[in-house]
Amino acid sequence: MAESYDIRIRSKRRNGGVDVIVLMLHPMETGLRQNAAGEQMPAHYITDATITVDDRVVLEARLGIAVAKDPLLQFRLEEAPPGGVLRVRWRDNHGTQRAAEATLA
């Protein structure tokens, strides 16, 4: 079965800022587990993520094997223009890259 690497973005304007939630669907396998047959499962995890608003970096994250499956990033933007474009990009240790964008509330 093929893995899904969707990125889901939600934003809500509240009290003069914008609350943002980013869900990155990814297996985040540590490389330390064994499957049912007792074989070592290879490491497969997001190494870095960058989030921008209108091409300005607002969050950079370095991730690794200690992060759970389907990482969720939640943060608040105190100054964000209505209608600004939020972009999320990530890369994993296999070289896979994904990107998504959404218009801020």
Protein backbone atom coordinates (compact mmCIF):
# COMPACT_ATOMS: atom_id res chain seq x y z
CA MET A 1 0.00 0.00 0.00
CA ALA A 2 1.41 3.39 -0.97
CA GLU A 3 2.02 5.95 1.75
CA SER A 4 0.04 9.19 1.76
CA TYR A 5 2.11 12.30 2.38
CA ASP A 6 -0.63 14.91 2.51
CA ILE A 7 -0.20 18.19 4.33
CA ARG A 8 -3.31 19.64 5.96
CA ILE A 9 -3.40 23.31 6.94
CA ARG A 10 -6.00 25.12 9.05
CA SER A 11 -6.01 28.72 10.20
CA LYS A 12 -8.34 30.79 12.34
CA ARG A 13 -8.14 34.53 12.94
CA ARG A 14 -8.60 35.27 16.65
CA ASN A 15 -7.78 38.17 18.97
CA GLY A 16 -5.78 40.10 16.39
CA GLY A 17 -3.64 37.15 15.24
CA VAL A 18 -3.98 33.86 13.40
CA ASP A 19 -3.84 30.41 14.99
CA VAL A 20 -2.36 27.86 12.56
CA ILE A 21 -2.37 24.06 12.65
CA VAL A 22 -0.31 22.03 10.17
CA LEU A 23 -0.68 18.24 10.00
CA MET A 24 2.00 16.42 7.97
CA LEU A 25 0.97 12.84 7.21
CA HIS A 26 4.11 10.72 7.38
CA PRO A 27 5.01 7.33 8.95
CA MET A 28 7.95 8.77 10.96
CA GLU A 29 9.58 5.35 11.37
CA THR A 30 12.54 5.38 13.79
CA GLY A 31 14.50 2.50 12.30
CA LEU A 32 14.54 0.88 15.74
CA ARG A 33 11.40 -1.29 15.41
CA GLN A 34 10.92 -4.74 13.97
CA ASN A 35 7.98 -5.82 11.82
CA ALA A 36 5.84 -8.91 12.53
CA ALA A 37 8.43 -11.12 10.80
CA GLY A 38 11.17 -9.83 13.11
CA GLU A 39 12.89 -7.80 10.39
CA GLN A 40 14.32 -4.38 11.18
CA MET A 41 12.12 -1.63 9.72
CA PRO A 42 14.17 1.03 7.92
CA ALA A 43 14.27 4.57 9.27
CA HIS A 44 11.90 6.93 7.45
CA TYR A 45 11.25 10.33 8.99
CA ILE A 46 10.90 14.02 8.17
CA THR A 47 14.20 15.81 8.68
CA ASP A 48 13.16 19.42 8.18
CA ALA A 49 10.12 21.60 7.58
CA THR A 50 9.82 25.25 6.60
CA ILE A 51 6.72 27.40 6.80
CA THR A 52 6.44 30.76 5.09
CA VAL A 53 3.80 33.46 4.82
CA ASP A 54 4.02 35.45 1.60
CA ASP A 55 7.62 34.17 1.12
CA ARG A 56 8.73 35.26 4.64
CA VAL A 57 9.95 32.38 6.82
CA VAL A 58 7.84 32.15 9.99
CA LEU A 59 8.90 28.70 11.22
CA GLU A 60 11.79 26.33 10.58
CA ALA A 61 11.81 22.93 12.27
CA ARG A 62 14.39 20.16 12.42
CA LEU A 63 12.68 16.84 13.08
CA GLY A 64 13.97 13.33 13.69
CA ILE A 65 13.16 9.87 14.98
CA ALA A 66 11.77 11.15 18.31
CA VAL A 67 8.76 12.74 16.56
CA ALA A 68 5.54 10.70 16.41
CA LYS A 69 3.76 9.56 13.26
CA ASP A 70 1.91 12.34 11.41
CA PRO A 71 3.60 15.36 13.04
CA LEU A 72 1.34 18.25 13.98
CA LEU A 73 2.72 21.78 14.28
CA GLN A 74 0.58 24.40 16.00
CA PHE A 75 1.59 28.04 16.29
CA ARG A 76 0.26 31.59 16.37
CA LEU A 77 1.05 34.41 13.98
CA GLU A 78 0.63 37.76 15.71
CA GLU A 79 1.01 39.72 12.49
CA ALA A 80 -0.44 38.03 9.45
CA PRO A 81 -2.18 39.75 6.56
CA PRO A 82 -5.71 38.56 5.78
CA GLY A 83 -5.47 36.53 2.61
CA GLY A 84 -1.74 35.90 3.05
CA VAL A 85 -0.43 32.68 1.51
CA LEU A 86 0.98 30.17 3.98
CA ARG A 87 3.30 27.57 2.43
CA VAL A 88 4.57 24.40 4.09
CA ARG A 89 7.51 22.40 2.72
CA TRP A 90 9.14 19.32 4.22
CA ARG A 91 11.86 16.83 3.28
CA ASP A 92 12.53 13.37 4.71
CA ASN A 93 15.61 11.16 5.06
CA HIS A 94 14.69 9.31 1.83
CA GLY A 95 14.81 12.54 -0.17
CA THR A 96 11.03 12.77 -0.53
CA GLN A 97 9.76 16.35 -0.52
CA ARG A 98 6.24 17.69 -0.21
CA ALA A 99 4.69 21.14 -0.25
CA ALA A 100 1.26 22.62 0.29
CA GLU A 101 -0.23 26.07 0.60
CA ALA A 102 -3.35 27.69 1.98
CA THR A 103 -4.77 31.17 2.23
CA LEU A 104 -4.81 32.51 5.79
CA ALA A 105 -8.17 33.23 7.39
